[in-house]
C-alpha atoms as a PDB file:
ATOM      1  CA  UNK A   1     152.140  65.174 120.384  1.00  0.00           C
ATOM      2  CA  UNK A   2     154.466  66.774 123.339  1.00  0.00           C
ATOM      3  CA  UNK A   3     153.647  70.271 123.997  1.00  0.00           C
ATOM      4  CA  UNK A   4     156.068  72.546 122.846  1.00  0.00           C
ATOM      5  CA  UNK A   5     158.880  74.708 125.066  1.00  0.00           C
ATOM      6  CA  UNK A   6     158.581  77.310 123.007  1.00  0.00           C
ATOM      7  CA  UNK A   7     156.665  78.846 120.502  1.00  0.00           C
ATOM      8  CA  UNK A   8     158.391  81.047 117.698  1.00  0.00           C
ATOM      9  CA  UNK A   9     156.892  84.130 116.816  1.00  0.00           C
ATOM     10  CA  UNK A  10     158.360  86.975 114.542  1.00  0.00           C
ATOM     11  CA  UNK A  11     157.256  90.600 112.938  1.00  0.00           C
ATOM     12  CA  UNK A  12     158.173  91.603 109.623  1.00  0.00           C
ATOM     13  CA  UNK A  13     159.870  94.877 109.227  1.00  0.00           C
ATOM     14  CA  UNK A  14     161.744  96.932 106.149  1.00  0.00           C
ATOM     15  CA  UNK A  15     163.494  94.701 104.055  1.00  0.00           C
ATOM     16  CA  UNK A  16     163.820  92.360 106.882  1.00  0.00           C
ATOM     17  CA  UNK A  17     162.135  90.190 109.900  1.00  0.00           C
ATOM     18  CA  UNK A  18     162.692  89.982 113.430  1.00  0.00           C
ATOM     19  CA  UNK A  19     162.548  86.706 115.115  1.00  0.00           C
ATOM     20  CA  UNK A  20     161.566  85.777 118.774  1.00  0.00           C
ATOM     21  CA  UNK A  21     163.243  82.644 120.620  1.00  0.00           C
ATOM     22  CA  UNK A  22     163.020  81.712 123.949  1.00  0.00           C
ATOM     23  CA  UNK A  23     165.958  83.985 125.637  1.00  0.00           C
ATOM     24  CA  UNK A  24     166.953  85.931 122.742  1.00  0.00           C
ATOM     25  CA  UNK A  25     165.504  87.998 119.566  1.00  0.00           C
ATOM     26  CA  UNK A  26     166.964  88.210 115.956  1.00  0.00           C
ATOM     27  CA  UNK A  27     167.080  90.695 112.965  1.00  0.00           C
ATOM     28  CA  UNK A  28     167.378  89.932 109.816  1.00  0.00           C
ATOM     29  CA  UNK A  29     167.649  92.278 106.615  1.00  0.00           C
ATOM     30  CA  UNK A  30     168.498  92.721 103.349  1.00  0.00           C
ATOM     31  CA  UNK A  31     170.336  95.648 102.968  1.00  0.00           C
ATOM     32  CA  UNK A  32     170.749  97.907  99.279  1.00  0.00           C
ATOM     33  CA  UNK A  33     174.264  95.697  98.953  1.00  0.00           C
ATOM     34  CA  UNK A  34     171.963  92.674  99.158  1.00  0.00           C
ATOM     35  CA  UNK A  35     174.092  91.419 101.814  1.00  0.00           C
ATOM     36  CA  UNK A  36     172.031  90.476 104.926  1.00  0.00           C
ATOM     37  CA  UNK A  37     172.615  91.501 108.319  1.00  0.00           C
ATOM     38  CA  UNK A  38     172.132  89.801 111.368  1.00  0.00           C
ATOM     39  CA  UNK A  39     172.145  90.900 115.170  1.00  0.00           C
ATOM     40  CA  UNK A  40     170.600  89.129 117.718  1.00  0.00           C
ATOM     41  CA  UNK A  41     169.360  90.194 121.257  1.00  0.00           C
ATOM     42  CA  UNK A  42     168.861  89.292 124.946  1.00  0.00           C
ATOM     43  CA  UNK A  43     165.138  89.167 125.883  1.00  0.00           C
ATOM     44  CA  UNK A  44     164.375  90.632 128.456  1.00  0.00           C
ATOM     45  CA  UNK A  45     161.414  89.494 130.328  1.00  0.00           C
ATOM     46  CA  UNK A  46     159.512  90.497 132.938  1.00  0.00           C
ATOM     47  CA  UNK A  47     158.652  86.732 133.550  1.00  0.00           C
ATOM     48  CA  UNK A  48     162.041  86.318 134.285  1.00  0.00           C
ATOM     49  CA  UNK A  49     162.530  88.541 136.967  1.00  0.00           C
ATOM     50  CA  UNK A  50     158.451  88.892 138.655  1.00  0.00           C
ATOM     51  CA  UNK A  51     157.001  85.839 138.834  1.00  0.00           C
ATOM     52  CA  UNK A  52     153.562  87.379 138.486  1.00  0.00           C
ATOM     53  CA  UNK A  53     153.854  87.758 134.893  1.00  0.00           C
ATOM     54  CA  UNK A  54     153.860  84.082 134.000  1.00  0.00           C
ATOM     55  CA  UNK A  55     150.038  83.335 135.273  1.00  0.00           C
ATOM     56  CA  UNK A  56     147.736  83.291 133.043  1.00  0.00           C
ATOM     57  CA  UNK A  57     146.746  87.291 131.986  1.00  0.00           C
ATOM     58  CA  UNK A  58     149.566  88.502 133.257  1.00  0.00           C
ATOM     59  CA  UNK A  59     151.567  87.252 131.260  1.00  0.00           C
ATOM     60  CA  UNK A  60     149.609  88.154 127.908  1.00  0.00           C
ATOM     61  CA  UNK A  61     150.161  92.301 129.478  1.00  0.00           C
ATOM     62  CA  UNK A  62     153.745  91.214 129.681  1.00  0.00           C
ATOM     63  CA  UNK A  63     154.051  89.358 126.479  1.00  0.00           C
ATOM     64  CA  UNK A  64     152.412  93.224 124.897  1.00  0.00           C
ATOM     65  CA  UNK A  65     155.062  95.472 126.417  1.00  0.00           C
ATOM     66  CA  UNK A  66     158.207  93.202 125.337  1.00  0.00           C
ATOM     67  CA  UNK A  67     156.689  93.047 121.790  1.00  0.00           C
ATOM     68  CA  UNK A  68     156.130  96.593 121.462  1.00  0.00           C
ATOM     69  CA  UNK A  69     159.680  97.266 123.012  1.00  0.00           C
ATOM     70  CA  UNK A  70     161.533  94.907 120.301  1.00  0.00           C
ATOM     71  CA  UNK A  71     159.040  95.614 117.604  1.00  0.00           C
ATOM     72  CA  UNK A  72     159.765  99.430 118.058  1.00  0.00           C
ATOM     73  CA  UNK A  73     163.755  98.983 117.876  1.00  0.00           C
ATOM     74  CA  UNK A  74     163.346  96.103 115.415  1.00  0.00           C
ATOM     75  CA  UNK A  75     161.698  98.543 112.960  1.00  0.00           C
ATOM     76  CA  UNK A  76     164.178 101.230 114.008  1.00  0.00           C
ATOM     77  CA  UNK A  77     167.729  99.151 113.081  1.00  0.00           C
ATOM     78  CA  UNK A  78     165.799  97.462 110.230  1.00  0.00           C
ATOM     79  CA  UNK A  79     164.793 101.169 108.565  1.00  0.00           C
ATOM     80  CA  UNK A  80     168.716 102.465 109.097  1.00  0.00           C
ATOM     81  CA  UNK A  81     170.058  99.119 107.497  1.00  0.00           C
ATOM     82  CA  UNK A  82     167.925  98.940 104.529  1.00  0.00           C
ATOM     83  CA  UNK A  83     168.091 102.423 103.455  1.00  0.00           C
ATOM     84  CA  UNK A  84     171.539 104.355 102.167  1.00  0.00           C
ATOM     85  CA  UNK A  85     173.506 105.883 104.361  1.00  0.00           C
ATOM     86  CA  UNK A  86     172.329 109.553 103.032  1.00  0.00           C
ATOM     87  CA  UNK A  87     168.808 108.157 103.605  1.00  0.00           C
ATOM     88  CA  UNK A  88     168.842 106.902 107.166  1.00  0.00           C
ATOM     89  CA  UNK A  89     166.900 108.376 109.784  1.00  0.00           C
ATOM     90  CA  UNK A  90     168.764 109.766 113.633  1.00  0.00           C
ATOM     91  CA  UNK A  91     167.389 108.811 116.542  1.00  0.00           C
ATOM     92  CA  UNK A  92     165.633 111.638 116.838  1.00  0.00           C
ATOM     93  CA  UNK A  93     163.901 111.329 114.011  1.00  0.00           C
ATOM     94  CA  UNK A  94     163.255 107.874 114.974  1.00  0.00           C
ATOM     95  CA  UNK A  95     161.836 108.671 118.069  1.00  0.00           C
ATOM     96  CA  UNK A  96     159.803 111.611 116.142  1.00  0.00           C
ATOM     97  CA  UNK A  97     158.169 109.397 113.712  1.00  0.00           C
ATOM     98  CA  UNK A  98     157.282 106.842 116.336  1.00  0.00           C
ATOM     99  CA  UNK A  99     155.444 108.993 118.903  1.00  0.00           C
ATOM    100  CA  UNK A 100     153.582 110.491 115.436  1.00  0.00           C
ATOM    101  CA  UNK A 101     152.162 107.032 114.873  1.00  0.00           C
ATOM    102  CA  UNK A 102     151.549 106.590 117.940  1.00  0.00           C
ATOM    103  CA  UNK A 103     149.231 109.355 118.268  1.00  0.00           C
ATOM    104  CA  UNK A 104     147.630 109.299 115.161  1.00  0.00           C
ATOM    105  CA  UNK A 105     146.575 105.477 115.957  1.00  0.00           C
ATOM    106  CA  UNK A 106     145.359 106.762 119.338  1.00  0.00           C
ATOM    107  CA  UNK A 107     143.275 109.983 117.449  1.00  0.00           C
ATOM    108  CA  UNK A 108     141.889 107.324 114.371  1.00  0.00           C
ATOM    109  CA  UNK A 109     141.197 104.104 116.502  1.00  0.00           C
ATOM    110  CA  UNK A 110     140.279 105.250 119.973  1.00  0.00           C
ATOM    111  CA  UNK A 111     139.302 108.578 119.932  1.00  0.00           C
ATOM    112  CA  UNK A 112     136.956 109.777 116.675  1.00  0.00           C
ATOM    113  CA  UNK A 113     135.000 106.113 116.996  1.00  0.00           C
ATOM    114  CA  UNK A 114     133.657 107.107 120.533  1.00  0.00           C
ATOM    115  CA  UNK A 115     133.462 111.041 119.410  1.00  0.00           C
ATOM    116  CA  UNK A 116     131.258 109.942 116.468  1.00  0.00           C
ATOM    117  CA  UNK A 117     128.553 107.073 118.456  1.00  0.00           C
ATOM    118  CA  UNK A 118     128.193 110.054 120.969  1.00  0.00           C
ATOM    119  CA  UNK A 119     125.812 111.542 118.765  1.00  0.00           C
ATOM    120  CA  UNK A 120     123.986 108.360 118.409  1.00  0.00           C
ATOM    121  CA  UNK A 121     120.841 108.493 120.400  1.00  0.00           C
ATOM    122  CA  UNK A 122     118.141 106.277 118.515  1.00  0.00           C
ATOM    123  CA  UNK A 123     117.588 102.694 120.687  1.00  0.00           C
ATOM    124  CA  UNK A 124     114.247 101.473 122.037  1.00  0.00           C
ATOM    125  CA  UNK A 125     115.544 101.585 125.548  1.00  0.00           C
ATOM    126  CA  UNK A 126     118.668 102.572 127.223  1.00  0.00           C
ATOM    127  CA  UNK A 127     120.038  98.924 127.803  1.00  0.00           C
ATOM    128  CA  UNK A 128     119.141  98.905 124.176  1.00  0.00           C
ATOM    129  CA  UNK A 129     120.479 101.911 123.229  1.00  0.00           C
ATOM    130  CA  UNK A 130     124.024 101.373 124.873  1.00  0.00           C
ATOM    131  CA  UNK A 131     124.388  97.329 122.901  1.00  0.00           C
ATOM    132  CA  UNK A 132     123.394  99.789 119.858  1.00  0.00           C
ATOM    133  CA  UNK A 133     126.085 102.188 120.541  1.00  0.00           C
ATOM    134  CA  UNK A 134     129.118  99.740 121.806  1.00  0.00           C
ATOM    135  CA  UNK A 135     128.281  97.346 118.546  1.00  0.00           C
ATOM    136  CA  UNK A 136     127.966 100.692 116.026  1.00  0.00           C
ATOM    137  CA  UNK A 137     131.484 101.790 117.663  1.00  0.00           C
ATOM    138  CA  UNK A 138     133.473  98.536 117.393  1.00  0.00           C
ATOM    139  CA  UNK A 139     132.434  98.375 113.819  1.00  0.00           C
ATOM    140  CA  UNK A 140     133.581 101.739 112.851  1.00  0.00           C
ATOM    141  CA  UNK A 141     136.605 100.991 114.813  1.00  0.00           C
ATOM    142  CA  UNK A 142     137.268  97.385 112.849  1.00  0.00           C
ATOM    143  CA  UNK A 143     136.006  99.057 109.432  1.00  0.00           C
ATOM    144  CA  UNK A 144     138.529 101.509 110.000  1.00  0.00           C
ATOM    145  CA  UNK A 145     140.992  99.123 110.247  1.00  0.00           C
ATOM    146  CA  UNK A 146     140.072  97.400 107.560  1.00  0.00           C
ATOM    147  CA  UNK A 147     139.976 100.151 105.526  1.00  0.00           C
ATOM    148  CA  UNK A 148     143.824 101.274 106.655  1.00  0.00           C
ATOM    149  CA  UNK A 149     144.987  97.834 105.621  1.00  0.00           C
ATOM    150  CA  UNK A 150     143.784  97.199 102.747  1.00  0.00           C
ATOM    151  CA  UNK A 151     144.469 101.107 101.567  1.00  0.00           C
ATOM    152  CA  UNK A 152     148.075 100.941 102.723  1.00  0.00           C
ATOM    153  CA  UNK A 153     148.184  97.112 100.791  1.00  0.00           C
ATOM    154  CA  UNK A 154     148.503  98.566  97.061  1.00  0.00           C
ATOM    155  CA  UNK A 155     151.400 100.932  98.520  1.00  0.00           C
ATOM    156  CA  UNK A 156     154.894  98.954  96.861  1.00  0.00           C
ATOM    157  CA  UNK A 157     156.759  99.511 100.207  1.00  0.00           C
ATOM    158  CA  UNK A 158     154.153  97.830 102.354  1.00  0.00           C
ATOM    159  CA  UNK A 159     153.345  95.065  99.922  1.00  0.00           C
ATOM    160  CA  UNK A 160     157.087  94.681  99.966  1.00  0.00           C
ATOM    161  CA  UNK A 161     156.752  94.631 104.348  1.00  0.00           C
ATOM    162  CA  UNK A 162     153.689  92.335 103.962  1.00  0.00           C
ATOM    163  CA  UNK A 163     155.818  90.007 101.495  1.00  0.00           C
ATOM    164  CA  UNK A 164     158.186  89.405 104.906  1.00  0.00           C
ATOM    165  CA  UNK A 165     155.293  89.164 106.777  1.00  0.00           C
ATOM    166  CA  UNK A 166     154.548  86.044 104.944  1.00  0.00           C
ATOM    167  CA  UNK A 167     158.408  84.525 104.494  1.00  0.00           C
ATOM    168  CA  UNK A 168     158.181  84.687 108.543  1.00  0.00           C
ATOM    169  CA  UNK A 169     155.409  82.716 108.856  1.00  0.00           C
ATOM    170  CA  UNK A 170     156.271  79.899 106.246  1.00  0.00           C
ATOM    171  CA  UNK A 171     159.614  79.949 107.874  1.00  0.00           C
ATOM    172  CA  UNK A 172     157.912  78.963 111.525  1.00  0.00           C
ATOM    173  CA  UNK A 173     155.562  77.036 110.021  1.00  0.00           C
ATOM    174  CA  UNK A 174     158.295  74.694 108.064  1.00  0.00           C
ATOM    175  CA  UNK A 175     160.188  74.377 111.305  1.00  0.00           C
ATOM    176  CA  UNK A 176     156.746  73.353 113.258  1.00  0.00           C
ATOM    177  CA  UNK A 177     156.066  71.020 110.798  1.00  0.00           C
ATOM    178  CA  UNK A 178     159.392  69.173 111.196  1.00  0.00           C
ATOM    179  CA  UNK A 179     160.624  70.368 107.276  1.00  0.00           C
ATOM    180  CA  UNK A 180     164.572  68.707 107.635  1.00  0.00           C
ATOM    181  CA  UNK A 181     166.417  71.438 106.249  1.00  0.00           C
ATOM    182  CA  UNK A 182     165.150  74.517 105.843  1.00  0.00           C
ATOM    183  CA  UNK A 183     166.451  76.679 102.690  1.00  0.00           C
ATOM    184  CA  UNK A 184     164.097  78.748 100.610  1.00  0.00           C
ATOM    185  CA  UNK A 185     162.207  75.669  98.394  1.00  0.00           C
ATOM    186  CA  UNK A 186     161.496  73.760 101.078  1.00  0.00           C
ATOM    187  CA  UNK A 187     160.091  76.714 103.040  1.00  0.00           C
ATOM    188  CA  UNK A 188     158.128  78.443 100.356  1.00  0.00           C
ATOM    189  CA  UNK A 189     155.712  75.253  99.623  1.00  0.00           C
ATOM    190  CA  UNK A 190     154.226  76.568 103.644  1.00  0.00           C
ATOM    191  CA  UNK A 191     150.831  78.236 103.861  1.00  0.00           C
ATOM    192  CA  UNK A 192     151.417  82.636 104.840  1.00  0.00           C
ATOM    193  CA  UNK A 193     148.758  82.157 107.291  1.00  0.00           C
ATOM    194  CA  UNK A 194     149.567  81.023 111.013  1.00  0.00           C
ATOM    195  CA  UNK A 195     146.937  80.827 113.627  1.00  0.00           C
ATOM    196  CA  UNK A 196     149.250  82.979 116.122  1.00  0.00           C
ATOM    197  CA  UNK A 197     149.937  85.818 113.861  1.00  0.00           C
ATOM    198  CA  UNK A 198     150.022  89.181 115.639  1.00  0.00           C
ATOM    199  CA  UNK A 199     146.769  90.113 113.384  1.00  0.00           C
ATOM    200  CA  UNK A 200     144.742  87.386 114.901  1.00  0.00           C
ATOM    201  CA  UNK A 201     145.980  89.242 118.187  1.00  0.00           C
ATOM    202  CA  UNK A 202     144.410  92.449 117.089  1.00  0.00           C
ATOM    203  CA  UNK A 203     141.476  91.266 115.905  1.00  0.00           C
ATOM    204  CA  UNK A 204     140.781  89.421 119.391  1.00  0.00           C
ATOM    205  CA  UNK A 205     140.795  92.558 121.497  1.00  0.00           C
ATOM    206  CA  UNK A 206     138.622  94.616 118.883  1.00  0.00           C
ATOM    207  CA  UNK A 207     135.827  91.986 119.482  1.00  0.00           C
ATOM    208  CA  UNK A 208     136.843  91.483 123.013  1.00  0.00           C
ATOM    209  CA  UNK A 209     136.230  95.444 123.151  1.00  0.00           C
ATOM    210  CA  UNK A 210     133.099  95.673 121.764  1.00  0.00           C
ATOM    211  CA  UNK A 211     131.878  92.294 124.377  1.00  0.00           C
ATOM    212  CA  UNK A 212     133.525  93.949 127.622  1.00  0.00           C
ATOM    213  CA  UNK A 213     132.181  97.539 127.789  1.00  0.00           C
ATOM    214  CA  UNK A 214     129.065  96.429 126.089  1.00  0.00           C
ATOM    215  CA  UNK A 215     128.157  94.668 129.342  1.00  0.00           C
ATOM    216  CA  UNK A 216     130.308  97.348 131.344  1.00  0.00           C
ATOM    217  CA  UNK A 217     127.633 100.103 130.154  1.00  0.00           C
ATOM    218  CA  UNK A 218     124.990  98.012 130.652  1.00  0.00           C
ATOM    219  CA  UNK A 219     125.232  97.201 133.784  1.00  0.00           C
ATOM    220  CA  UNK A 220     126.876 100.729 135.328  1.00  0.00           C
ATOM    221  CA  UNK A 221     125.446 102.782 132.971  1.00  0.00           C
ATOM    222  CA  UNK A 222     127.386 104.937 130.284  1.00  0.00           C
ATOM    223  CA  UNK A 223     129.979 106.931 130.714  1.00  0.00           C
ATOM    224  CA  UNK A 224     130.824 110.641 129.947  1.00  0.00           C
ATOM    225  CA  UNK A 225     132.671 110.609 126.938  1.00  0.00           C
ATOM    226  CA  UNK A 226     135.927 111.425 128.585  1.00  0.00           C
ATOM    227  CA  UNK A 227     136.137 108.520 131.014  1.00  0.00           C
ATOM    228  CA  UNK A 228     134.612 106.604 127.995  1.00  0.00           C
ATOM    229  CA  UNK A 229     138.588 107.658 126.075  1.00  0.00           C
ATOM    230  CA  UNK A 230     140.375 106.914 129.145  1.00  0.00           C
ATOM    231  CA  UNK A 231     138.339 103.837 129.942  1.00  0.00           C
ATOM    232  CA  UNK A 232     139.729 102.095 126.605  1.00  0.00           C
ATOM    233  CA  UNK A 233     142.807 103.156 127.418  1.00  0.00           C
ATOM    234  CA  UNK A 234     143.797 101.895 130.396  1.00  0.00           C
ATOM    235  CA  UNK A 235     141.771  98.608 129.121  1.00  0.00           C
ATOM    236  CA  UNK A 236     144.162  97.459 126.514  1.00  0.00           C
ATOM    237  CA  UNK A 237     146.240  95.782 129.105  1.00  0.00           C
ATOM    238  CA  UNK A 238     143.758  93.547 130.507  1.00  0.00           C
ATOM    239  CA  UNK A 239     142.142  93.385 126.866  1.00  0.00           C
ATOM    240  CA  UNK A 240     145.614  92.059 125.445  1.00  0.00           C
ATOM    241  CA  UNK A 241     146.400  89.507 128.528  1.00  0.00           C
ATOM    242  CA  UNK A 242     143.101  87.487 128.011  1.00  0.00           C
ATOM    243  CA  UNK A 243     143.764  87.985 123.310  1.00  0.00           C
ATOM    244  CA  UNK A 244     146.823  86.215 124.681  1.00  0.00           C
ATOM    245  CA  UNK A 245     145.483  83.271 126.188  1.00  0.00           C
ATOM    246  CA  UNK A 246     143.045  83.453 123.244  1.00  0.00           C
ATOM    247  CA  UNK A 247     146.415  82.979 121.511  1.00  0.00           C
ATOM    248  CA  UNK A 248     147.632  80.025 123.155  1.00  0.00           C
ATOM    249  CA  UNK A 249     144.660  78.568 123.272  1.00  0.00           C
ATOM    250  CA  UNK A 250     144.454  78.290 119.189  1.00  0.00           C
ATOM    251  CA  UNK A 251     148.338  77.438 119.443  1.00  0.00           C
ATOM    252  CA  UNK A 252     147.656  74.226 121.365  1.00  0.00           C
ATOM    253  CA  UNK A 253     144.124  73.372 119.939  1.00  0.00           C
ATOM    254  CA  UNK A 254     144.130  73.980 116.634  1.00  0.00           C
ATOM    255  CA  UNK A 255     142.331  70.964 115.909  1.00  0.00           C
ATOM    256  CA  UNK A 256     139.134  71.531 117.879  1.00  0.00           C
ATOM    257  CA  UNK A 257     136.579  72.966 115.772  1.00  0.00           C
ATOM    258  CA  UNK A 258     135.226  75.742 118.186  1.00  0.00           C
ATOM    259  CA  UNK A 259     138.625  77.063 118.095  1.00  0.00           C
ATOM    260  CA  UNK A 260     139.190  76.926 114.658  1.00  0.00           C
ATOM    261  CA  UNK A 261     135.854  78.854 114.036  1.00  0.00           C
ATOM    262  CA  UNK A 262     137.093  81.408 116.981  1.00  0.00           C
ATOM    263  CA  UNK A 263     140.551  81.988 115.073  1.00  0.00           C
ATOM    264  CA  UNK A 264     139.126  82.284 111.180  1.00  0.00           C
ATOM    265  CA  UNK A 265     138.105  86.377 111.177  1.00  0.00           C
ATOM    266  CA  UNK A 266     141.963  86.938 112.421  1.00  0.00           C
ATOM    267  CA  UNK A 267     143.079  84.258 109.507  1.00  0.00           C
ATOM    268  CA  UNK A 268     141.227  86.234 106.838  1.00  0.00           C
ATOM    269  CA  UNK A 269     142.427  89.103 107.793  1.00  0.00           C
ATOM    270  CA  UNK A 270     146.451  87.566 107.066  1.00  0.00           C
ATOM    271  CA  UNK A 271     144.883  87.322 103.175  1.00  0.00           C
ATOM    272  CA  UNK A 272     145.756  90.924 103.716  1.00  0.00           C
ATOM    273  CA  UNK A 273     148.611  91.551 105.665  1.00  0.00           C
ATOM    274  CA  UNK A 274     150.577  88.597 104.448  1.00  0.00           C
ATOM    275  CA  UNK A 275     151.799  88.454 100.194  1.00  0.00           C
ATOM    276  CA  UNK A 276     153.732  85.202  99.112  1.00  0.00           C
ATOM    277  CA  UNK A 277     157.507  85.983  99.613  1.00  0.00           C
ATOM    278  CA  UNK A 278     160.684  85.528  96.902  1.00  0.00           C
ATOM    279  CA  UNK A 279     162.851  83.560  97.672  1.00  0.00           C
ATOM    280  CA  UNK A 280     165.250  86.113  98.629  1.00  0.00           C
ATOM    281  CA  UNK A 281     162.642  87.301 101.457  1.00  0.00           C
ATOM    282  CA  UNK A 282     162.728  84.038 102.555  1.00  0.00           C
ATOM    283  CA  UNK A 283     166.538  83.513 103.300  1.00  0.00           C
ATOM    284  CA  UNK A 284     166.287  86.624 105.106  1.00  0.00           C
ATOM    285  CA  UNK A 285     163.058  84.824 107.544  1.00  0.00           C
ATOM    286  CA  UNK A 286     165.672  81.627 107.821  1.00  0.00           C
ATOM    287  CA  UNK A 287     168.686  83.493 108.875  1.00  0.00           C
ATOM    288  CA  UNK A 288     166.906  85.838 111.394  1.00  0.00           C
ATOM    289  CA  UNK A 289     165.507  82.198 112.498  1.00  0.00           C
ATOM    290  CA  UNK A 290     168.555  80.244 112.345  1.00  0.00           C
ATOM    291  CA  UNK A 291     169.909  82.978 115.042  1.00  0.00           C
ATOM    292  CA  UNK A 292     167.845  82.682 117.482  1.00  0.00           C
ATOM    293  CA  UNK A 293     167.340  78.476 117.149  1.00  0.00           C
ATOM    294  CA  UNK A 294     169.461  76.358 119.958  1.00  0.00           C
ATOM    295  CA  UNK A 295     172.796  75.524 118.892  1.00  0.00           C
ATOM    296  CA  UNK A 296     172.321  72.281 118.245  1.00  0.00           C
ATOM    297  CA  UNK A 297     169.433  72.991 115.633  1.00  0.00           C
ATOM    298  CA  UNK A 298     171.287  75.005 113.864  1.00  0.00           C
ATOM    299  CA  UNK A 299     172.511  72.435 111.918  1.00  0.00           C
ATOM    300  CA  UNK A 300     169.315  72.461 109.821  1.00  0.00           C
ATOM    301  CA  UNK A 301     169.380  75.300 107.772  1.00  0.00           C
ATOM    302  CA  UNK A 302     171.192  75.010 104.746  1.00  0.00           C
ATOM    303  CA  UNK A 303     174.146  77.112 103.062  1.00  0.00           C
ATOM    304  CA  UNK A 304     172.455  80.009 101.708  1.00  0.00           C
ATOM    305  CA  UNK A 305     173.809  82.068  98.992  1.00  0.00           C
ATOM    306  CA  UNK A 306     174.207  85.194 100.091  1.00  0.00           C
ATOM    307  CA  UNK A 307     176.534  87.295 102.435  1.00  0.00           C
ATOM    308  CA  UNK A 308     176.113  88.037 105.994  1.00  0.00           C
ATOM    309  CA  UNK A 309     176.733  90.817 108.001  1.00  0.00           C
ATOM    310  CA  UNK A 310     177.172  90.351 111.592  1.00  0.00           C
ATOM    311  CA  UNK A 311     176.415  92.865 114.090  1.00  0.00           C
ATOM    312  CA  UNK A 312     179.812  93.458 116.167  1.00  0.00           C
ATOM    313  CA  UNK A 313     179.626  91.686 118.867  1.00  0.00           C
ATOM    314  CA  UNK A 314     181.295  94.742 121.133  1.00  0.00           C
ATOM    315  CA  UNK A 315     178.088  95.984 120.750  1.00  0.00           C
ATOM    316  CA  UNK A 316     175.183  95.686 123.067  1.00  0.00           C
ATOM    317  CA  UNK A 317     172.838  92.756 122.412  1.00  0.00           C
ATOM    318  CA  UNK A 318     175.283  89.956 123.569  1.00  0.00           C
ATOM    319  CA  UNK A 319     177.196  87.768 121.282  1.00  0.00           C
ATOM    320  CA  UNK A 320     176.212  86.511 118.042  1.00  0.00           C
ATOM    321  CA  UNK A 321     175.810  83.232 116.332  1.00  0.00           C
ATOM    322  CA  UNK A 322     177.968  81.074 114.337  1.00  0.00           C
ATOM    323  CA  UNK A 323     175.569  80.987 110.741  1.00  0.00           C
ATOM    324  CA  UNK A 324     176.386  78.159 107.963  1.00  0.00           C
END
């Protein structure tokens, strides 16, 4: 099989799905009125402006930054499209919410595990103590992450987001499998588990963090707590670049037994972060995917029942596609 020119990806949002194509990304959201809001936007890629970000390692850093920028905007837009007018958030409220979420993430997943392990004093030797300390810190971070995902999966609204996550995966899988017509029943037969999922990315980053900092601390000594915290935060772009290459490897060589073994933890975790979607949710995912397909491929999307509302073409983001 020839190498694909582009690997499509996406993200579940509130009552909808964001899909990313080669040069555009699209958002489809189910409004309270049951119609589907669709908007498209150009991808402002660093790789287009700076050739450095097309190289292995650096392209992962660019991909992380772009994914965060697009993800925050998609979440913000979906929140207001999915809510009744009187419940919608202002730009200031949304910015404060995102900032608060980032601070909580940093404290819970980076600061607290590092502080907790700083009280660890057991170990047969200096290098042994360093290795065990890093393993405990990584294990605590991973445990908090798993507990958090399991806990929020019981919340009704989050469970619906996980269902849209499943719809996103099913739609991309159907396309990549060569499904001739994209419609809910045809798409629904595919798995909610996908090797390129961002969940895999997070697990790879966490495991690389344990390996990388254990090696550095053994070679150069375990730094003081404040420097250790700064070190973990500054290393995120580097680890993201390596993890991105790991996901590309998994996408290209998914049948390789070693690659499949390395991808297993992330695939298992998707059993928490994806849930079987309804036909209505798959329809939303198909709409988002249709908007990023090349024009000559949009004919594979079946006629779908829900009315669609396109963002006005004079708003920022460029022209909108014609949807069937």
